[in-house]
């Protein structure tokens, strides 16, 4: 399969994570910890099967630190979607991921052009618009949890830049994240609740939109320049917003539309105006 359809499938999968998590935690009895455990376990099984089919028996790749970062992202993601719409959650997640990676780059001595600083200010203003108190403001704890999920995913992404085979490393990190999720489920046992529909959505999120989605993305990356790869991910919150309206019956608001334009447009400027980093 060529790069374009692989990229499109990967973006649909990433947006699908938001939609599946939201519908499970809104419309079924499953609790966030159980959803996270099933999602990570399903992703671990799917990715392990892909790597074993491709390479045969091999050592477990990845690391415990990356596994914990993956778990932190997944559990905070689930806690956030108890109250956030699919679109708002995806926008907060994406903004926090990019802010984390840009911030780490600046801390390491990377420089940005004036146009990039303007784009960053535009994106920050968009998040302020989204989170400012008012009728359409997201629930504060859920918003904070999703920002934390984005920071965790940004850290996970930065740790992944170490030359390992990305699919094998992700498979190993899912395996390492699963025990943390099981421990969280054990701690939350008094509040545990599951039903067949919730289990089904959680496993679909783990196997399809996480495990297979990441494998498809890494295949697509072989044909994408780094700037294009970063920019194309701007489509994920938009896809999640459309999916939320069409599939979940969520009503788009003016505040979300303005914030989305500012955040995604600002980050696009930062990415597209990038030049080789100076020190």
C-alpha atoms as a PDB file:
ATOM      1  CA  UNK A   1       0.000   0.000   0.000  1.00  0.00           C
ATOM      2  CA  UNK A   2       1.319   3.489  -0.849  1.00  0.00           C
ATOM      3  CA  UNK A   3       2.131   6.245   1.635  1.00  0.00           C
ATOM      4  CA  UNK A   4      -1.026   8.330   1.128  1.00  0.00           C
ATOM      5  CA  UNK A   5      -3.629   5.669   2.034  1.00  0.00           C
ATOM      6  CA  UNK A   6      -1.451   4.445   4.917  1.00  0.00           C
ATOM      7  CA  UNK A   7      -1.267   7.982   6.284  1.00  0.00           C
ATOM      8  CA  UNK A   8      -5.022   8.464   5.933  1.00  0.00           C
ATOM      9  CA  UNK A   9      -5.704   5.184   7.746  1.00  0.00           C
ATOM     10  CA  UNK A  10      -3.326   6.147  10.550  1.00  0.00           C
ATOM     11  CA  UNK A  11      -4.996   9.536  11.063  1.00  0.00           C
ATOM     12  CA  UNK A  12      -8.415   7.861  11.148  1.00  0.00           C
ATOM     13  CA  UNK A  13      -7.085   5.420  13.740  1.00  0.00           C
ATOM     14  CA  UNK A  14      -5.668   8.205  15.928  1.00  0.00           C
ATOM     15  CA  UNK A  15      -8.964  10.098  15.806  1.00  0.00           C
ATOM     16  CA  UNK A  16     -10.758   6.799  16.409  1.00  0.00           C
ATOM     17  CA  UNK A  17      -9.023   6.463  19.770  1.00  0.00           C
ATOM     18  CA  UNK A  18     -10.809   9.595  20.961  1.00  0.00           C
ATOM     19  CA  UNK A  19     -14.166   8.474  19.583  1.00  0.00           C
ATOM     20  CA  UNK A  20     -13.981   4.943  21.003  1.00  0.00           C
ATOM     21  CA  UNK A  21     -12.847   6.099  24.431  1.00  0.00           C
ATOM     22  CA  UNK A  22     -15.530   8.775  24.600  1.00  0.00           C
ATOM     23  CA  UNK A  23     -18.393   6.505  23.543  1.00  0.00           C
ATOM     24  CA  UNK A  24     -17.279   3.788  25.977  1.00  0.00           C
ATOM     25  CA  UNK A  25     -17.011   6.103  28.971  1.00  0.00           C
ATOM     26  CA  UNK A  26     -20.169   8.040  28.086  1.00  0.00           C
ATOM     27  CA  UNK A  27     -22.521   5.286  26.982  1.00  0.00           C
ATOM     28  CA  UNK A  28     -21.400   2.082  28.724  1.00  0.00           C
ATOM     29  CA  UNK A  29     -20.753   1.038  32.313  1.00  0.00           C
ATOM     30  CA  UNK A  30     -16.987   0.555  31.998  1.00  0.00           C
ATOM     31  CA  UNK A  31     -14.772   2.618  34.318  1.00  0.00           C
ATOM     32  CA  UNK A  32     -11.639   4.489  33.157  1.00  0.00           C
ATOM     33  CA  UNK A  33      -9.133   2.128  34.812  1.00  0.00           C
ATOM     34  CA  UNK A  34     -10.711  -0.994  33.318  1.00  0.00           C
ATOM     35  CA  UNK A  35     -10.898   0.664  29.890  1.00  0.00           C
ATOM     36  CA  UNK A  36      -7.207   1.568  30.099  1.00  0.00           C
ATOM     37  CA  UNK A  37      -6.158  -1.934  31.147  1.00  0.00           C
ATOM     38  CA  UNK A  38      -8.098  -3.586  28.338  1.00  0.00           C
ATOM     39  CA  UNK A  39      -6.878  -1.024  25.800  1.00  0.00           C
ATOM     40  CA  UNK A  40      -3.207  -1.504  26.705  1.00  0.00           C
ATOM     41  CA  UNK A  41      -3.544  -5.288  26.905  1.00  0.00           C
ATOM     42  CA  UNK A  42      -5.268  -5.393  23.512  1.00  0.00           C
ATOM     43  CA  UNK A  43      -2.617  -3.149  21.973  1.00  0.00           C
ATOM     44  CA  UNK A  44       0.181  -5.246  23.463  1.00  0.00           C
ATOM     45  CA  UNK A  45      -1.272  -8.460  22.019  1.00  0.00           C
ATOM     46  CA  UNK A  46      -1.859  -6.938  18.580  1.00  0.00           C
ATOM     47  CA  UNK A  47       1.604  -5.379  18.313  1.00  0.00           C
ATOM     48  CA  UNK A  48       3.341  -8.474  19.724  1.00  0.00           C
ATOM     49  CA  UNK A  49       1.577 -10.593  17.095  1.00  0.00           C
ATOM     50  CA  UNK A  50       2.625  -8.183  14.315  1.00  0.00           C
ATOM     51  CA  UNK A  51       6.273  -8.168  15.415  1.00  0.00           C
ATOM     52  CA  UNK A  52       6.364 -11.952  15.880  1.00  0.00           C
ATOM     53  CA  UNK A  53       4.800 -12.523  12.448  1.00  0.00           C
ATOM     54  CA  UNK A  54       7.267 -10.096  10.875  1.00  0.00           C
ATOM     55  CA  UNK A  55      10.484 -10.993  12.730  1.00  0.00           C
ATOM     56  CA  UNK A  56       9.868 -14.266  14.537  1.00  0.00           C
ATOM     57  CA  UNK A  57      10.769 -14.675  18.244  1.00  0.00           C
ATOM     58  CA  UNK A  58      12.817 -11.709  19.434  1.00  0.00           C
ATOM     59  CA  UNK A  59      13.792  -9.956  22.663  1.00  0.00           C
ATOM     60  CA  UNK A  60      11.375  -7.513  24.226  1.00  0.00           C
ATOM     61  CA  UNK A  61      12.201  -4.020  22.941  1.00  0.00           C
ATOM     62  CA  UNK A  62      11.326  -0.697  24.548  1.00  0.00           C
ATOM     63  CA  UNK A  63      11.977   0.326  28.154  1.00  0.00           C
ATOM     64  CA  UNK A  64      10.249   0.531  31.522  1.00  0.00           C
ATOM     65  CA  UNK A  65      10.411   4.347  31.506  1.00  0.00           C
ATOM     66  CA  UNK A  66       8.675   4.536  28.142  1.00  0.00           C
ATOM     67  CA  UNK A  67       6.160   1.940  29.285  1.00  0.00           C
ATOM     68  CA  UNK A  68       5.268   4.096  32.282  1.00  0.00           C
ATOM     69  CA  UNK A  69       4.939   7.217  30.110  1.00  0.00           C
ATOM     70  CA  UNK A  70       2.605   5.258  27.827  1.00  0.00           C
ATOM     71  CA  UNK A  71       0.537   4.135  30.824  1.00  0.00           C
ATOM     72  CA  UNK A  72       0.358   7.689  32.198  1.00  0.00           C
ATOM     73  CA  UNK A  73      -0.906   8.929  28.837  1.00  0.00           C
ATOM     74  CA  UNK A  74      -3.508   6.150  28.582  1.00  0.00           C
ATOM     75  CA  UNK A  75      -4.966   6.440  32.092  1.00  0.00           C
ATOM     76  CA  UNK A  76      -5.163  10.251  31.978  1.00  0.00           C
ATOM     77  CA  UNK A  77      -6.701  10.023  28.493  1.00  0.00           C
ATOM     78  CA  UNK A  78      -9.425   7.744  29.860  1.00  0.00           C
ATOM     79  CA  UNK A  79     -10.083   9.894  32.934  1.00  0.00           C
ATOM     80  CA  UNK A  80     -10.436  12.969  30.724  1.00  0.00           C
ATOM     81  CA  UNK A  81     -12.964  11.404  28.371  1.00  0.00           C
ATOM     82  CA  UNK A  82     -15.410  10.815  31.179  1.00  0.00           C
ATOM     83  CA  UNK A  83     -16.392  14.470  30.727  1.00  0.00           C
ATOM     84  CA  UNK A  84     -14.805  15.881  27.538  1.00  0.00           C
ATOM     85  CA  UNK A  85     -16.250  15.718  24.048  1.00  0.00           C
ATOM     86  CA  UNK A  86     -14.189  13.884  21.450  1.00  0.00           C
ATOM     87  CA  UNK A  87     -13.229  17.117  19.674  1.00  0.00           C
ATOM     88  CA  UNK A  88     -12.227  19.065  22.794  1.00  0.00           C
ATOM     89  CA  UNK A  89     -10.199  16.147  24.104  1.00  0.00           C
ATOM     90  CA  UNK A  90      -8.336  15.648  20.830  1.00  0.00           C
ATOM     91  CA  UNK A  91      -7.523  19.367  20.590  1.00  0.00           C
ATOM     92  CA  UNK A  92      -6.208  19.546  24.167  1.00  0.00           C
ATOM     93  CA  UNK A  93      -4.214  16.349  23.688  1.00  0.00           C
ATOM     94  CA  UNK A  94      -2.649  17.480  20.426  1.00  0.00           C
ATOM     95  CA  UNK A  95      -1.853  20.957  21.756  1.00  0.00           C
ATOM     96  CA  UNK A  96      -0.202  19.561  24.886  1.00  0.00           C
ATOM     97  CA  UNK A  97       1.854  17.033  22.910  1.00  0.00           C
ATOM     98  CA  UNK A  98       3.209  19.704  20.580  1.00  0.00           C
ATOM     99  CA  UNK A  99       3.804  22.181  23.428  1.00  0.00           C
ATOM    100  CA  UNK A 100       5.786  19.549  25.322  1.00  0.00           C
ATOM    101  CA  UNK A 101       7.968  18.654  22.357  1.00  0.00           C
ATOM    102  CA  UNK A 102       8.531  22.295  21.392  1.00  0.00           C
ATOM    103  CA  UNK A 103       9.339  23.208  25.000  1.00  0.00           C
ATOM    104  CA  UNK A 104      11.879  20.419  25.337  1.00  0.00           C
ATOM    105  CA  UNK A 105      13.479  21.493  22.067  1.00  0.00           C
ATOM    106  CA  UNK A 106      13.813  25.067  23.317  1.00  0.00           C
ATOM    107  CA  UNK A 107      15.256  23.853  26.625  1.00  0.00           C
ATOM    108  CA  UNK A 108      17.873  21.917  24.659  1.00  0.00           C
ATOM    109  CA  UNK A 109      18.969  25.033  22.825  1.00  0.00           C
ATOM    110  CA  UNK A 110      16.902  24.951  19.642  1.00  0.00           C
ATOM    111  CA  UNK A 111      16.019  28.335  18.206  1.00  0.00           C
ATOM    112  CA  UNK A 112      12.810  29.493  16.573  1.00  0.00           C
ATOM    113  CA  UNK A 113      12.260  32.163  13.964  1.00  0.00           C
ATOM    114  CA  UNK A 114      10.026  35.181  14.760  1.00  0.00           C
ATOM    115  CA  UNK A 115       7.264  33.689  12.607  1.00  0.00           C
ATOM    116  CA  UNK A 116       7.391  30.504  14.682  1.00  0.00           C
ATOM    117  CA  UNK A 117       7.108  32.499  17.919  1.00  0.00           C
ATOM    118  CA  UNK A 118       4.039  34.203  16.452  1.00  0.00           C
ATOM    119  CA  UNK A 119       2.541  30.812  15.604  1.00  0.00           C
ATOM    120  CA  UNK A 120       3.267  29.548  19.111  1.00  0.00           C
ATOM    121  CA  UNK A 121       1.592  32.620  20.622  1.00  0.00           C
ATOM    122  CA  UNK A 122      -1.436  32.058  18.377  1.00  0.00           C
ATOM    123  CA  UNK A 123      -1.702  28.428  19.509  1.00  0.00           C
ATOM    124  CA  UNK A 124      -1.366  29.406  23.173  1.00  0.00           C
ATOM    125  CA  UNK A 125      -4.075  32.028  22.715  1.00  0.00           C
ATOM    126  CA  UNK A 126      -6.348  29.391  21.223  1.00  0.00           C
ATOM    127  CA  UNK A 127      -5.941  27.195  24.303  1.00  0.00           C
ATOM    128  CA  UNK A 128      -6.684  30.182  26.545  1.00  0.00           C
ATOM    129  CA  UNK A 129      -9.890  30.780  24.583  1.00  0.00           C
ATOM    130  CA  UNK A 130     -10.866  27.117  24.949  1.00  0.00           C
ATOM    131  CA  UNK A 131     -10.162  26.881  28.683  1.00  0.00           C
ATOM    132  CA  UNK A 132     -11.417  30.319  29.796  1.00  0.00           C
ATOM    133  CA  UNK A 133     -14.385  30.130  32.198  1.00  0.00           C
ATOM    134  CA  UNK A 134     -17.781  30.235  30.561  1.00  0.00           C
ATOM    135  CA  UNK A 135     -20.711  28.163  29.373  1.00  0.00           C
ATOM    136  CA  UNK A 136     -18.701  26.211  26.797  1.00  0.00           C
ATOM    137  CA  UNK A 137     -15.578  25.720  28.916  1.00  0.00           C
ATOM    138  CA  UNK A 138     -14.570  22.063  29.445  1.00  0.00           C
ATOM    139  CA  UNK A 139     -14.781  20.550  32.925  1.00  0.00           C
ATOM    140  CA  UNK A 140     -11.540  21.641  34.704  1.00  0.00           C
ATOM    141  CA  UNK A 141     -10.396  18.245  36.042  1.00  0.00           C
ATOM    142  CA  UNK A 142     -11.047  16.535  32.715  1.00  0.00           C
ATOM    143  CA  UNK A 143      -9.207  19.288  30.840  1.00  0.00           C
ATOM    144  CA  UNK A 144      -6.237  19.042  33.210  1.00  0.00           C
ATOM    145  CA  UNK A 145      -6.181  15.258  32.828  1.00  0.00           C
ATOM    146  CA  UNK A 146      -6.081  15.548  29.032  1.00  0.00           C
ATOM    147  CA  UNK A 147      -3.285  18.113  29.175  1.00  0.00           C
ATOM    148  CA  UNK A 148      -1.410  15.660  31.417  1.00  0.00           C
ATOM    149  CA  UNK A 149      -2.064  12.913  28.879  1.00  0.00           C
ATOM    150  CA  UNK A 150      -0.599  15.131  26.160  1.00  0.00           C
ATOM    151  CA  UNK A 151       2.506  15.892  28.220  1.00  0.00           C
ATOM    152  CA  UNK A 152       2.953  12.172  28.891  1.00  0.00           C
ATOM    153  CA  UNK A 153       2.573  11.340  25.192  1.00  0.00           C
ATOM    154  CA  UNK A 154       5.045  14.091  24.304  1.00  0.00           C
ATOM    155  CA  UNK A 155       7.574  12.605  26.728  1.00  0.00           C
ATOM    156  CA  UNK A 156       6.909   9.136  25.314  1.00  0.00           C
ATOM    157  CA  UNK A 157       7.451  10.426  21.773  1.00  0.00           C
ATOM    158  CA  UNK A 158      10.734  12.101  22.728  1.00  0.00           C
ATOM    159  CA  UNK A 159      11.968   8.938  24.440  1.00  0.00           C
ATOM    160  CA  UNK A 160      11.129   6.962  21.300  1.00  0.00           C
ATOM    161  CA  UNK A 161      13.731   8.838  19.224  1.00  0.00           C
ATOM    162  CA  UNK A 162      16.499   6.386  19.972  1.00  0.00           C
ATOM    163  CA  UNK A 163      17.014   4.426  16.793  1.00  0.00           C
ATOM    164  CA  UNK A 164      15.050   1.319  17.805  1.00  0.00           C
ATOM    165  CA  UNK A 165      12.651  -0.342  15.406  1.00  0.00           C
ATOM    166  CA  UNK A 166       9.536   1.726  16.260  1.00  0.00           C
ATOM    167  CA  UNK A 167       6.972  -1.070  15.931  1.00  0.00           C
ATOM    168  CA  UNK A 168       9.007  -3.477  18.069  1.00  0.00           C
ATOM    169  CA  UNK A 169       9.717  -0.757  20.638  1.00  0.00           C
ATOM    170  CA  UNK A 170       6.031   0.191  20.808  1.00  0.00           C
ATOM    171  CA  UNK A 171       5.059  -3.458  21.241  1.00  0.00           C
ATOM    172  CA  UNK A 172       7.519  -3.771  24.126  1.00  0.00           C
ATOM    173  CA  UNK A 173       6.308  -0.537  25.688  1.00  0.00           C
ATOM    174  CA  UNK A 174       2.671  -1.696  25.545  1.00  0.00           C
ATOM    175  CA  UNK A 175       3.689  -4.921  27.274  1.00  0.00           C
ATOM    176  CA  UNK A 176       5.551  -2.942  29.945  1.00  0.00           C
ATOM    177  CA  UNK A 177       2.650  -0.512  30.388  1.00  0.00           C
ATOM    178  CA  UNK A 178       0.108  -3.270  31.026  1.00  0.00           C
ATOM    179  CA  UNK A 179       1.281  -4.111  34.613  1.00  0.00           C
ATOM    180  CA  UNK A 180       0.967  -0.434  35.599  1.00  0.00           C
ATOM    181  CA  UNK A 181      -2.589  -0.462  34.247  1.00  0.00           C
ATOM    182  CA  UNK A 182      -3.407  -3.665  36.112  1.00  0.00           C
ATOM    183  CA  UNK A 183      -2.107  -2.088  39.329  1.00  0.00           C
ATOM    184  CA  UNK A 184      -4.291   0.983  38.702  1.00  0.00           C
ATOM    185  CA  UNK A 185      -7.316  -1.255  38.150  1.00  0.00           C
ATOM    186  CA  UNK A 186      -6.564  -3.084  41.394  1.00  0.00           C
ATOM    187  CA  UNK A 187      -6.340   0.224  43.276  1.00  0.00           C
ATOM    188  CA  UNK A 188      -9.638   1.336  41.722  1.00  0.00           C
ATOM    189  CA  UNK A 189     -11.392  -1.981  42.358  1.00  0.00           C
ATOM    190  CA  UNK A 190     -14.056  -0.470  44.673  1.00  0.00           C
ATOM    191  CA  UNK A 191     -15.184   1.693  41.720  1.00  0.00           C
ATOM    192  CA  UNK A 192     -14.736  -0.962  39.038  1.00  0.00           C
ATOM    193  CA  UNK A 193     -17.549  -1.497  36.574  1.00  0.00           C
ATOM    194  CA  UNK A 194     -17.635  -3.314  33.244  1.00  0.00           C
ATOM    195  CA  UNK A 195     -20.161  -4.490  30.711  1.00  0.00           C
ATOM    196  CA  UNK A 196     -19.928  -6.277  27.382  1.00  0.00           C
ATOM    197  CA  UNK A 197     -20.212  -3.100  25.298  1.00  0.00           C
ATOM    198  CA  UNK A 198     -17.512  -1.326  27.290  1.00  0.00           C
ATOM    199  CA  UNK A 199     -15.154  -4.295  26.996  1.00  0.00           C
ATOM    200  CA  UNK A 200     -15.768  -4.417  23.257  1.00  0.00           C
ATOM    201  CA  UNK A 201     -15.004  -0.714  22.754  1.00  0.00           C
ATOM    202  CA  UNK A 202     -11.876  -0.955  24.922  1.00  0.00           C
ATOM    203  CA  UNK A 203     -10.520  -3.947  23.003  1.00  0.00           C
ATOM    204  CA  UNK A 204     -11.334  -2.262  19.689  1.00  0.00           C
ATOM    205  CA  UNK A 205      -9.385   0.786  20.857  1.00  0.00           C
ATOM    206  CA  UNK A 206      -6.440  -1.371  21.887  1.00  0.00           C
ATOM    207  CA  UNK A 207      -6.278  -3.770  18.955  1.00  0.00           C
ATOM    208  CA  UNK A 208      -7.474  -1.607  16.051  1.00  0.00           C
ATOM    209  CA  UNK A 209      -6.956   2.110  16.659  1.00  0.00           C
ATOM    210  CA  UNK A 210      -3.911   1.699  18.937  1.00  0.00           C
ATOM    211  CA  UNK A 211      -2.028  -1.475  17.965  1.00  0.00           C
ATOM    212  CA  UNK A 212      -2.797  -1.658  14.257  1.00  0.00           C
ATOM    213  CA  UNK A 213      -3.035   2.143  14.018  1.00  0.00           C
ATOM    214  CA  UNK A 214       0.514   2.638  15.298  1.00  0.00           C
ATOM    215  CA  UNK A 215       1.857  -0.131  13.053  1.00  0.00           C
ATOM    216  CA  UNK A 216       0.226   1.548  10.024  1.00  0.00           C
ATOM    217  CA  UNK A 217       1.623   4.934  11.058  1.00  0.00           C
ATOM    218  CA  UNK A 218       5.182   3.628  11.303  1.00  0.00           C
ATOM    219  CA  UNK A 219       4.807   2.084   7.850  1.00  0.00           C
ATOM    220  CA  UNK A 220       3.581   5.441   6.498  1.00  0.00           C
ATOM    221  CA  UNK A 221       6.445   7.333   8.133  1.00  0.00           C
ATOM    222  CA  UNK A 222       8.955   5.639   5.836  1.00  0.00           C
ATOM    223  CA  UNK A 223       7.536   7.712   2.961  1.00  0.00           C
ATOM    224  CA  UNK A 224       7.003  11.034   4.779  1.00  0.00           C
ATOM    225  CA  UNK A 225       9.390  13.894   5.444  1.00  0.00           C
ATOM    226  CA  UNK A 226       9.506  14.843   9.134  1.00  0.00           C
ATOM    227  CA  UNK A 227       7.774  18.197   8.549  1.00  0.00           C
ATOM    228  CA  UNK A 228       5.002  16.542   6.562  1.00  0.00           C
ATOM    229  CA  UNK A 229       4.616  13.870   9.246  1.00  0.00           C
ATOM    230  CA  UNK A 230       4.242  16.542  11.922  1.00  0.00           C
ATOM    231  CA  UNK A 231       1.851  18.650   9.859  1.00  0.00           C
ATOM    232  CA  UNK A 232      -0.464  15.842   8.781  1.00  0.00           C
ATOM    233  CA  UNK A 233      -1.265  15.127  12.418  1.00  0.00           C
ATOM    234  CA  UNK A 234      -3.057  18.480  12.498  1.00  0.00           C
ATOM    235  CA  UNK A 235      -5.911  16.599  10.863  1.00  0.00           C
ATOM    236  CA  UNK A 236      -6.572  14.401  13.904  1.00  0.00           C
ATOM    237  CA  UNK A 237      -8.565  16.904  16.027  1.00  0.00           C
ATOM    238  CA  UNK A 238     -10.567  17.887  12.946  1.00  0.00           C
ATOM    239  CA  UNK A 239     -11.375  14.249  12.152  1.00  0.00           C
ATOM    240  CA  UNK A 240     -12.321  13.664  15.797  1.00  0.00           C
ATOM    241  CA  UNK A 241     -14.597  16.718  15.705  1.00  0.00           C
ATOM    242  CA  UNK A 242     -16.387  15.518  12.559  1.00  0.00           C
ATOM    243  CA  UNK A 243     -16.677  12.019  14.002  1.00  0.00           C
ATOM    244  CA  UNK A 244     -18.049  13.397  17.253  1.00  0.00           C
ATOM    245  CA  UNK A 245     -20.775  15.272  15.393  1.00  0.00           C
ATOM    246  CA  UNK A 246     -21.696  12.487  12.950  1.00  0.00           C
ATOM    247  CA  UNK A 247     -21.275   9.429  15.164  1.00  0.00           C
ATOM    248  CA  UNK A 248     -21.708  10.627  18.742  1.00  0.00           C
ATOM    249  CA  UNK A 249     -24.201  13.445  18.273  1.00  0.00           C
ATOM    250  CA  UNK A 250     -21.907  16.063  19.796  1.00  0.00           C
ATOM    251  CA  UNK A 251     -22.765  19.694  19.058  1.00  0.00           C
ATOM    252  CA  UNK A 252     -19.871  21.841  17.793  1.00  0.00           C
ATOM    253  CA  UNK A 253     -19.574  25.191  19.565  1.00  0.00           C
ATOM    254  CA  UNK A 254     -18.244  28.554  18.403  1.00  0.00           C
ATOM    255  CA  UNK A 255     -15.590  28.572  21.127  1.00  0.00           C
ATOM    256  CA  UNK A 256     -14.224  25.195  20.014  1.00  0.00           C
ATOM    257  CA  UNK A 257     -14.169  26.314  16.377  1.00  0.00           C
ATOM    258  CA  UNK A 258     -12.207  29.486  17.179  1.00  0.00           C
ATOM    259  CA  UNK A 259      -9.829  27.664  19.516  1.00  0.00           C
ATOM    260  CA  UNK A 260      -9.236  24.886  16.983  1.00  0.00           C
ATOM    261  CA  UNK A 261      -8.396  27.357  14.214  1.00  0.00           C
ATOM    262  CA  UNK A 262      -5.956  29.215  16.470  1.00  0.00           C
ATOM    263  CA  UNK A 263      -4.263  26.140  17.949  1.00  0.00           C
ATOM    264  CA  UNK A 264      -3.960  24.097  14.772  1.00  0.00           C
ATOM    265  CA  UNK A 265      -3.066  27.105  12.627  1.00  0.00           C
ATOM    266  CA  UNK A 266      -0.455  28.299  15.090  1.00  0.00           C
ATOM    267  CA  UNK A 267       1.194  24.911  15.374  1.00  0.00           C
ATOM    268  CA  UNK A 268       1.155  24.546  11.590  1.00  0.00           C
ATOM    269  CA  UNK A 269       3.126  27.794  11.349  1.00  0.00           C
ATOM    270  CA  UNK A 270       5.655  26.543  13.918  1.00  0.00           C
ATOM    271  CA  UNK A 271       6.148  23.276  12.027  1.00  0.00           C
ATOM    272  CA  UNK A 272       6.193  24.622   8.480  1.00  0.00           C
ATOM    273  CA  UNK A 273       8.486  27.561   9.278  1.00  0.00           C
ATOM    274  CA  UNK A 274      11.028  25.276  10.895  1.00  0.00           C
ATOM    275  CA  UNK A 275      14.623  25.470   9.794  1.00  0.00           C
ATOM    276  CA  UNK A 276      17.711  23.541  10.968  1.00  0.00           C
ATOM    277  CA  UNK A 277      18.139  24.223  14.671  1.00  0.00           C
ATOM    278  CA  UNK A 278      20.926  26.549  15.752  1.00  0.00           C
ATOM    279  CA  UNK A 279      22.667  26.826  19.102  1.00  0.00           C
END
